Amino acid sequence: FLLLSLLKPGATADITRADGVVATFKVDSVQTFSKNAFPDQQVYGDTPDAELRIITCGGTFDHAKQDYKDNVVVFAHLDSSRQG
């Protein structure tokens, strides 16, 4: 996930489900949030349709805490699905 923050809207991610169906998600946005003000509802809340969130660490590394100060979140929606 090192380069996750470089994804652009319109990029796609294929996810193979346990039943063999491949779900293709299209990126809507990539946003960075401070871990101190992370928008739980926006990221984890219910959505009316199938959506994907990909989350990783980002921003400045805090050596004292041995952790990054931010999270990078990719917001994507289901674009299509097919048998794998």
PDB file of N, CA and C in Angstrom:
ATOM      1  N   PHE A   1       0.818  -1.198   0.000  1.00  0.00           N
ATOM      2  CA  PHE A   1       0.000   0.000   0.000  1.00  0.00           C
ATOM      3  C   PHE A   1       0.861   1.261   0.000  1.00  0.00           C
ATOM      4  N   LEU A   2       2.138   1.117  -0.195  1.00  0.00           N
ATOM      5  CA  LEU A   2       3.067   2.236  -0.131  1.00  0.00           C
ATOM      6  C   LEU A   2       2.659   3.397  -1.037  1.00  0.00           C
ATOM      7  N   LEU A   3       2.191   3.103  -2.240  1.00  0.00           N
ATOM      8  CA  LEU A   3       1.859   4.148  -3.213  1.00  0.00           C
ATOM      9  C   LEU A   3       0.352   4.400  -3.307  1.00  0.00           C
ATOM     10  N   LEU A   4      -0.402   3.956  -2.324  1.00  0.00           N
ATOM     11  CA  LEU A   4      -1.856   4.091  -2.341  1.00  0.00           C
ATOM     12  C   LEU A   4      -2.295   5.537  -2.536  1.00  0.00           C
ATOM     13  N   SER A   5      -1.592   6.463  -1.936  1.00  0.00           N
ATOM     14  CA  SER A   5      -1.980   7.882  -2.030  1.00  0.00           C
ATOM     15  C   SER A   5      -1.851   8.429  -3.447  1.00  0.00           C
ATOM     16  N   LEU A   6      -1.183   7.705  -4.329  1.00  0.00           N
ATOM     17  CA  LEU A   6      -1.007   8.164  -5.712  1.00  0.00           C
ATOM     18  C   LEU A   6      -2.139   7.735  -6.635  1.00  0.00           C
ATOM     19  N   LEU A   7      -3.072   6.893  -6.144  1.00  0.00           N
ATOM     20  CA  LEU A   7      -4.208   6.495  -6.974  1.00  0.00           C
ATOM     21  C   LEU A   7      -5.030   7.716  -7.348  1.00  0.00           C
ATOM     22  N   LYS A   8      -5.601   7.674  -8.527  1.00  0.00           N
ATOM     23  CA  LYS A   8      -6.425   8.773  -9.036  1.00  0.00           C
ATOM     24  C   LYS A   8      -7.860   8.299  -9.230  1.00  0.00           C
ATOM     25  N   PRO A   9      -8.819   9.204  -9.138  1.00  0.00           N
ATOM     26  CA  PRO A   9     -10.202   8.836  -9.447  1.00  0.00           C
ATOM     27  C   PRO A   9     -10.286   8.194 -10.831  1.00  0.00           C
ATOM     28  N   GLY A  10     -11.078   7.129 -10.906  1.00  0.00           N
ATOM     29  CA  GLY A  10     -11.210   6.386 -12.158  1.00  0.00           C
ATOM     30  C   GLY A  10     -10.365   5.131 -12.203  1.00  0.00           C
ATOM     31  N   ALA A  11      -9.330   5.052 -11.354  1.00  0.00           N
ATOM     32  CA  ALA A  11      -8.527   3.825 -11.281  1.00  0.00           C
ATOM     33  C   ALA A  11      -9.428   2.698 -10.770  1.00  0.00           C
ATOM     34  N   THR A  12      -9.057   1.457 -11.050  1.00  0.00           N
ATOM     35  CA  THR A  12      -9.880   0.331 -10.622  1.00  0.00           C
ATOM     36  C   THR A  12      -9.093  -0.640  -9.751  1.00  0.00           C
ATOM     37  N   ALA A  13      -9.860  -1.379  -8.948  1.00  0.00           N
ATOM     38  CA  ALA A  13      -9.302  -2.442  -8.109  1.00  0.00           C
ATOM     39  C   ALA A  13     -10.196  -3.659  -8.269  1.00  0.00           C
ATOM     40  N   ASP A  14      -9.599  -4.794  -8.648  1.00  0.00           N
ATOM     41  CA  ASP A  14     -10.335  -6.048  -8.773  1.00  0.00           C
ATOM     42  C   ASP A  14     -10.193  -6.845  -7.495  1.00  0.00           C
ATOM     43  N   ILE A  15     -11.311  -7.277  -6.945  1.00  0.00           N
ATOM     44  CA  ILE A  15     -11.342  -8.063  -5.720  1.00  0.00           C
ATOM     45  C   ILE A  15     -11.992  -9.398  -6.051  1.00  0.00           C
ATOM     46  N   THR A  16     -11.271 -10.498  -5.830  1.00  0.00           N
ATOM     47  CA  THR A  16     -11.839 -11.820  -6.058  1.00  0.00           C
ATOM     48  C   THR A  16     -12.495 -12.309  -4.776  1.00  0.00           C
ATOM     49  N   ARG A  17     -13.790 -12.542  -4.861  1.00  0.00           N
ATOM     50  CA  ARG A  17     -14.554 -12.991  -3.704  1.00  0.00           C
ATOM     51  C   ARG A  17     -14.373 -14.489  -3.497  1.00  0.00           C
ATOM     52  N   ALA A  18     -14.795 -14.981  -2.347  1.00  0.00           N
ATOM     53  CA  ALA A  18     -14.674 -16.406  -2.012  1.00  0.00           C
ATOM     54  C   ALA A  18     -15.438 -17.283  -2.995  1.00  0.00           C
ATOM     55  N   ASP A  19     -16.526 -16.763  -3.587  1.00  0.00           N
ATOM     56  CA  ASP A  19     -17.312 -17.557  -4.537  1.00  0.00           C
ATOM     57  C   ASP A  19     -16.755 -17.506  -5.956  1.00  0.00           C
ATOM     58  N   GLY A  20     -15.601 -16.864  -6.147  1.00  0.00           N
ATOM     59  CA  GLY A  20     -14.957 -16.800  -7.454  1.00  0.00           C
ATOM     60  C   GLY A  20     -15.355 -15.609  -8.299  1.00  0.00           C
ATOM     61  N   VAL A  21     -16.349 -14.855  -7.874  1.00  0.00           N
ATOM     62  CA  VAL A  21     -16.753 -13.662  -8.614  1.00  0.00           C
ATOM     63  C   VAL A  21     -15.696 -12.574  -8.404  1.00  0.00           C
ATOM     64  N   VAL A  22     -15.349 -11.896  -9.498  1.00  0.00           N
ATOM     65  CA  VAL A  22     -14.397 -10.788  -9.429  1.00  0.00           C
ATOM     66  C   VAL A  22     -15.196  -9.492  -9.458  1.00  0.00           C
ATOM     67  N   ALA A  23     -15.099  -8.726  -8.391  1.00  0.00           N
ATOM     68  CA  ALA A  23     -15.786  -7.442  -8.284  1.00  0.00           C
ATOM     69  C   ALA A  23     -14.788  -6.342  -8.625  1.00  0.00           C
ATOM     70  N   THR A  24     -15.155  -5.486  -9.565  1.00  0.00           N
ATOM     71  CA  THR A  24     -14.299  -4.363  -9.954  1.00  0.00           C
ATOM     72  C   THR A  24     -14.853  -3.091  -9.333  1.00  0.00           C
ATOM     73  N   PHE A  25     -14.006  -2.433  -8.545  1.00  0.00           N
ATOM     74  CA  PHE A  25     -14.370  -1.181  -7.894  1.00  0.00           C
ATOM     75  C   PHE A  25     -13.630  -0.039  -8.564  1.00  0.00           C
ATOM     76  N   LYS A  26     -14.323   1.090  -8.764  1.00  0.00           N
ATOM     77  CA  LYS A  26     -13.732   2.274  -9.379  1.00  0.00           C
ATOM     78  C   LYS A  26     -13.507   3.329  -8.304  1.00  0.00           C
ATOM     79  N   VAL A  27     -12.306   3.889  -8.276  1.00  0.00           N
ATOM     80  CA  VAL A  27     -11.923   4.883  -7.270  1.00  0.00           C
ATOM     81  C   VAL A  27     -12.683   6.188  -7.500  1.00  0.00           C
ATOM     82  N   ASP A  28     -13.314   6.674  -6.404  1.00  0.00           N
ATOM     83  CA  ASP A  28     -13.990   7.966  -6.426  1.00  0.00           C
ATOM     84  C   ASP A  28     -13.069   9.068  -5.906  1.00  0.00           C
ATOM     85  N   SER A  29     -12.343   8.760  -4.828  1.00  0.00           N
ATOM     86  CA  SER A  29     -11.421   9.739  -4.257  1.00  0.00           C
ATOM     87  C   SER A  29     -10.405   9.039  -3.374  1.00  0.00           C
ATOM     88  N   VAL A  30      -9.321   9.751  -3.121  1.00  0.00           N
ATOM     89  CA  VAL A  30      -8.289   9.314  -2.175  1.00  0.00           C
ATOM     90  C   VAL A  30      -8.089  10.485  -1.224  1.00  0.00           C
ATOM     91  N   GLN A  31      -8.282  10.230   0.066  1.00  0.00           N
ATOM     92  CA  GLN A  31      -8.206  11.308   1.049  1.00  0.00           C
ATOM     93  C   GLN A  31      -7.274  10.922   2.194  1.00  0.00           C
ATOM     94  N   THR A  32      -6.648  11.921   2.773  1.00  0.00           N
ATOM     95  CA  THR A  32      -5.775  11.720   3.926  1.00  0.00           C
ATOM     96  C   THR A  32      -6.418  12.369   5.140  1.00  0.00           C
ATOM     97  N   PHE A  33      -6.473  11.601   6.237  1.00  0.00           N
ATOM     98  CA  PHE A  33      -7.084  12.076   7.476  1.00  0.00           C
ATOM     99  C   PHE A  33      -6.109  11.912   8.630  1.00  0.00           C
ATOM    100  N   SER A  34      -6.069  12.889   9.513  1.00  0.00           N
ATOM    101  CA  SER A  34      -5.292  12.774  10.733  1.00  0.00           C
ATOM    102  C   SER A  34      -5.879  11.650  11.578  1.00  0.00           C
ATOM    103  N   LYS A  35      -5.025  10.829  12.157  1.00  0.00           N
ATOM    104  CA  LYS A  35      -5.518   9.765  13.037  1.00  0.00           C
ATOM    105  C   LYS A  35      -6.234  10.355  14.248  1.00  0.00           C
ATOM    106  N   ASN A  36      -5.900  11.592  14.622  1.00  0.00           N
ATOM    107  CA  ASN A  36      -6.553  12.254  15.757  1.00  0.00           C
ATOM    108  C   ASN A  36      -7.952  12.752  15.426  1.00  0.00           C
ATOM    109  N   ALA A  37      -8.292  12.835  14.137  1.00  0.00           N
ATOM    110  CA  ALA A  37      -9.606  13.336  13.723  1.00  0.00           C
ATOM    111  C   ALA A  37     -10.159  12.454  12.608  1.00  0.00           C
ATOM    112  N   PHE A  38     -10.029  11.152  12.770  1.00  0.00           N
ATOM    113  CA  PHE A  38     -10.457  10.203  11.743  1.00  0.00           C
ATOM    114  C   PHE A  38     -11.984  10.169  11.669  1.00  0.00           C
ATOM    115  N   PRO A  39     -12.555  10.311  10.456  1.00  0.00           N
ATOM    116  CA  PRO A  39     -14.018  10.357  10.306  1.00  0.00           C
ATOM    117  C   PRO A  39     -14.628   8.950  10.228  1.00  0.00           C
ATOM    118  N   ASP A  40     -14.785   8.319  11.373  1.00  0.00           N
ATOM    119  CA  ASP A  40     -15.262   6.931  11.420  1.00  0.00           C
ATOM    120  C   ASP A  40     -16.526   6.704  10.584  1.00  0.00           C
ATOM    121  N   GLN A  41     -17.512   7.555  10.752  1.00  0.00           N
ATOM    122  CA  GLN A  41     -18.789   7.358  10.053  1.00  0.00           C
ATOM    123  C   GLN A  41     -18.615   7.456   8.539  1.00  0.00           C
ATOM    124  N   GLN A  42     -17.820   8.406   8.076  1.00  0.00           N
ATOM    125  CA  GLN A  42     -17.596   8.571   6.638  1.00  0.00           C
ATOM    126  C   GLN A  42     -16.888   7.352   6.052  1.00  0.00           C
ATOM    127  N   VAL A  43     -15.977   6.775   6.805  1.00  0.00           N
ATOM    128  CA  VAL A  43     -15.184   5.653   6.303  1.00  0.00           C
ATOM    129  C   VAL A  43     -15.885   4.314   6.514  1.00  0.00           C
ATOM    130  N   TYR A  44     -16.450   4.105   7.697  1.00  0.00           N
ATOM    131  CA  TYR A  44     -17.005   2.804   8.062  1.00  0.00           C
ATOM    132  C   TYR A  44     -18.524   2.733   8.033  1.00  0.00           C
ATOM    133  N   GLY A  45     -19.195   3.869   7.832  1.00  0.00           N
ATOM    134  CA  GLY A  45     -20.651   3.897   7.872  1.00  0.00           C
ATOM    135  C   GLY A  45     -21.295   3.124   6.725  1.00  0.00           C
ATOM    136  N   ASP A  46     -22.568   2.776   6.924  1.00  0.00           N
ATOM    137  CA  ASP A  46     -23.331   2.081   5.894  1.00  0.00           C
ATOM    138  C   ASP A  46     -23.455   2.940   4.647  1.00  0.00           C
ATOM    139  N   THR A  47     -23.514   2.277   3.508  1.00  0.00           N
ATOM    140  CA  THR A  47     -23.712   2.946   2.222  1.00  0.00           C
ATOM    141  C   THR A  47     -24.874   2.261   1.505  1.00  0.00           C
ATOM    142  N   PRO A  48     -25.575   2.982   0.631  1.00  0.00           N
ATOM    143  CA  PRO A  48     -26.723   2.371  -0.046  1.00  0.00           C
ATOM    144  C   PRO A  48     -26.326   1.312  -1.073  1.00  0.00           C
ATOM    145  N   ASP A  49     -25.113   1.378  -1.563  1.00  0.00           N
ATOM    146  CA  ASP A  49     -24.638   0.433  -2.578  1.00  0.00           C
ATOM    147  C   ASP A  49     -23.296  -0.154  -2.134  1.00  0.00           C
ATOM    148  N   ALA A  50     -22.821  -1.142  -2.878  1.00  0.00           N
ATOM    149  CA  ALA A  50     -21.536  -1.771  -2.559  1.00  0.00           C
ATOM    150  C   ALA A  50     -20.400  -0.773  -2.769  1.00  0.00           C
ATOM    151  N   GLU A  51     -19.590  -0.599  -1.737  1.00  0.00           N
ATOM    152  CA  GLU A  51     -18.443   0.292  -1.816  1.00  0.00           C
ATOM    153  C   GLU A  51     -17.240  -0.375  -1.162  1.00  0.00           C
ATOM    154  N   LEU A  52     -16.075   0.139  -1.475  1.00  0.00           N
ATOM    155  CA  LEU A  52     -14.818  -0.388  -0.956  1.00  0.00           C
ATOM    156  C   LEU A  52     -14.041   0.747  -0.314  1.00  0.00           C
ATOM    157  N   ARG A  53     -13.419   0.445   0.808  1.00  0.00           N
ATOM    158  CA  ARG A  53     -12.493   1.376   1.450  1.00  0.00           C
ATOM    159  C   ARG A  53     -11.170   0.642   1.619  1.00  0.00           C
ATOM    160  N   ILE A  54     -10.109   1.248   1.144  1.00  0.00           N
ATOM    161  CA  ILE A  54      -8.758   0.724   1.347  1.00  0.00           C
ATOM    162  C   ILE A  54      -8.044   1.741   2.221  1.00  0.00           C
ATOM    163  N   ILE A  55      -7.508   1.275   3.338  1.00  0.00           N
ATOM    164  CA  ILE A  55      -6.933   2.181   4.333  1.00  0.00           C
ATOM    165  C   ILE A  55      -5.505   1.774   4.644  1.00  0.00           C
ATOM    166  N   THR A  56      -4.625   2.764   4.699  1.00  0.00           N
ATOM    167  CA  THR A  56      -3.243   2.512   5.101  1.00  0.00           C
ATOM    168  C   THR A  56      -2.727   3.729   5.865  1.00  0.00           C
ATOM    169  N   CYS A  57      -1.563   3.592   6.422  1.00  0.00           N
ATOM    170  CA  CYS A  57      -0.930   4.693   7.134  1.00  0.00           C
ATOM    171  C   CYS A  57      -0.329   5.677   6.136  1.00  0.00           C
ATOM    172  N   GLY A  58      -0.190   6.929   6.562  1.00  0.00           N
ATOM    173  CA  GLY A  58       0.399   7.929   5.688  1.00  0.00           C
ATOM    174  C   GLY A  58       0.820   9.147   6.476  1.00  0.00           C
ATOM    175  N   GLY A  59       1.279  10.140   5.738  1.00  0.00           N
ATOM    176  CA  GLY A  59       1.710  11.374   6.378  1.00  0.00           C
ATOM    177  C   GLY A  59       3.070  11.234   7.021  1.00  0.00           C
ATOM    178  N   THR A  60       3.303  12.040   8.017  1.00  0.00           N
ATOM    179  CA  THR A  60       4.587  12.105   8.711  1.00  0.00           C
ATOM    180  C   THR A  60       4.723  10.964   9.702  1.00  0.00           C
ATOM    181  N   PHE A  61       5.904  10.408   9.791  1.00  0.00           N
ATOM    182  CA  PHE A  61       6.166   9.342  10.758  1.00  0.00           C
ATOM    183  C   PHE A  61       6.547   9.964  12.098  1.00  0.00           C
ATOM    184  N   ASP A  62       5.851   9.559  13.145  1.00  0.00           N
ATOM    185  CA  ASP A  62       6.109  10.031  14.505  1.00  0.00           C
ATOM    186  C   ASP A  62       7.060   9.032  15.172  1.00  0.00           C
ATOM    187  N   HIS A  63       8.328   9.414  15.286  1.00  0.00           N
ATOM    188  CA  HIS A  63       9.337   8.491  15.835  1.00  0.00           C
ATOM    189  C   HIS A  63       9.076   8.149  17.299  1.00  0.00           C
ATOM    190  N   ALA A  64       8.518   9.077  18.047  1.00  0.00           N
ATOM    191  CA  ALA A  64       8.237   8.824  19.459  1.00  0.00           C
ATOM    192  C   ALA A  64       7.162   7.746  19.617  1.00  0.00           C
ATOM    193  N   LYS A  65       6.139   7.792  18.752  1.00  0.00           N
ATOM    194  CA  LYS A  65       5.041   6.812  18.824  1.00  0.00           C
ATOM    195  C   LYS A  65       5.282   5.598  17.928  1.00  0.00           C
ATOM    196  N   GLN A  66       6.303   5.689  17.081  1.00  0.00           N
ATOM    197  CA  GLN A  66       6.593   4.633  16.111  1.00  0.00           C
ATOM    198  C   GLN A  66       5.366   4.349  15.240  1.00  0.00           C
ATOM    199  N   ASP A  67       4.738   5.422  14.747  1.00  0.00           N
ATOM    200  CA  ASP A  67       3.534   5.308  13.944  1.00  0.00           C
ATOM    201  C   ASP A  67       3.406   6.546  13.060  1.00  0.00           C
ATOM    202  N   TYR A  68       2.648   6.401  11.980  1.00  0.00           N
ATOM    203  CA  TYR A  68       2.364   7.537  11.124  1.00  0.00           C
ATOM    204  C   TYR A  68       1.231   8.363  11.718  1.00  0.00           C
ATOM    205  N   LYS A  69       1.209   9.654  11.434  1.00  0.00           N
ATOM    206  CA  LYS A  69       0.217  10.557  12.014  1.00  0.00           C
ATOM    207  C   LYS A  69      -1.119  10.547  11.267  1.00  0.00           C
ATOM    208  N   ASP A  70      -1.125  10.061  10.034  1.00  0.00           N
ATOM    209  CA  ASP A  70      -2.331  10.098   9.205  1.00  0.00           C
ATOM    210  C   ASP A  70      -2.715   8.717   8.696  1.00  0.00           C
ATOM    211  N   ASN A  71      -3.918   8.652   8.132  1.00  0.00           N
ATOM    212  CA  ASN A  71      -4.372   7.494   7.371  1.00  0.00           C
ATOM    213  C   ASN A  71      -4.746   7.964   5.982  1.00  0.00           C
ATOM    214  N   VAL A  72      -4.396   7.183   4.987  1.00  0.00           N
ATOM    215  CA  VAL A  72      -4.812   7.410   3.604  1.00  0.00           C
ATOM    216  C   VAL A  72      -5.983   6.459   3.354  1.00  0.00           C
ATOM    217  N   VAL A  73      -7.087   7.005   2.826  1.00  0.00           N
ATOM    218  CA  VAL A  73      -8.280   6.205   2.576  1.00  0.00           C
ATOM    219  C   VAL A  73      -8.687   6.344   1.112  1.00  0.00           C
ATOM    220  N   VAL A  74      -8.839   5.200   0.448  1.00  0.00           N
ATOM    221  CA  VAL A  74      -9.376   5.171  -0.911  1.00  0.00           C
ATOM    222  C   VAL A  74     -10.866   4.865  -0.802  1.00  0.00           C
ATOM    223  N   PHE A  75     -11.683   5.706  -1.435  1.00  0.00           N
ATOM    224  CA  PHE A  75     -13.125   5.507  -1.509  1.00  0.00           C
ATOM    225  C   PHE A  75     -13.444   5.041  -2.935  1.00  0.00           C
ATOM    226  N   ALA A  76     -14.102   3.891  -3.046  1.00  0.00           N
ATOM    227  CA  ALA A  76     -14.420   3.351  -4.371  1.00  0.00           C
ATOM    228  C   ALA A  76     -15.806   2.723  -4.347  1.00  0.00           C
ATOM    229  N   HIS A  77     -16.443   2.674  -5.535  1.00  0.00           N
ATOM    230  CA  HIS A  77     -17.764   2.066  -5.664  1.00  0.00           C
ATOM    231  C   HIS A  77     -17.692   0.874  -6.612  1.00  0.00           C
ATOM    232  N   LEU A  78     -18.640  -0.047  -6.450  1.00  0.00           N
ATOM    233  CA  LEU A  78     -18.693  -1.223  -7.325  1.00  0.00           C
ATOM    234  C   LEU A  78     -19.054  -0.775  -8.732  1.00  0.00           C
ATOM    235  N   ASP A  79     -18.205  -1.122  -9.688  1.00  0.00           N
ATOM    236  CA  ASP A  79     -18.409  -0.743 -11.080  1.00  0.00           C
ATOM    237  C   ASP A  79     -18.982  -1.899 -11.894  1.00  0.00           C
ATOM    238  N   SER A  80     -18.489  -3.127 -11.613  1.00  0.00           N
ATOM    239  CA  SER A  80     -18.963  -4.295 -12.331  1.00  0.00           C
ATOM    240  C   SER A  80     -18.524  -5.565 -11.592  1.00  0.00           C
ATOM    241  N   SER A  81     -19.074  -6.699 -12.028  1.00  0.00           N
ATOM    242  CA  SER A  81     -18.638  -7.991 -11.480  1.00  0.00           C
ATOM    243  C   SER A  81     -18.747  -9.044 -12.583  1.00  0.00           C
ATOM    244  N   ARG A  82     -17.922 -10.079 -12.453  1.00  0.00           N
ATOM    245  CA  ARG A  82     -17.891 -11.148 -13.451  1.00  0.00           C
ATOM    246  C   ARG A  82     -17.410 -12.441 -12.802  1.00  0.00           C
ATOM    247  N   GLN A  83     -17.722 -13.550 -13.426  1.00  0.00           N
ATOM    248  CA  GLN A  83     -17.188 -14.830 -12.937  1.00  0.00           C
ATOM    249  C   GLN A  83     -15.696 -14.854 -13.192  1.00  0.00           C
ATOM    250  N   GLY A  84     -14.933 -15.295 -12.186  1.00  0.00           N
ATOM    251  CA  GLY A  84     -13.480 -15.338 -12.293  1.00  0.00           C
ATOM    252  C   GLY A  84     -12.969 -16.506 -13.054  1.00  0.00           C
TER     253      GLY A  84
END
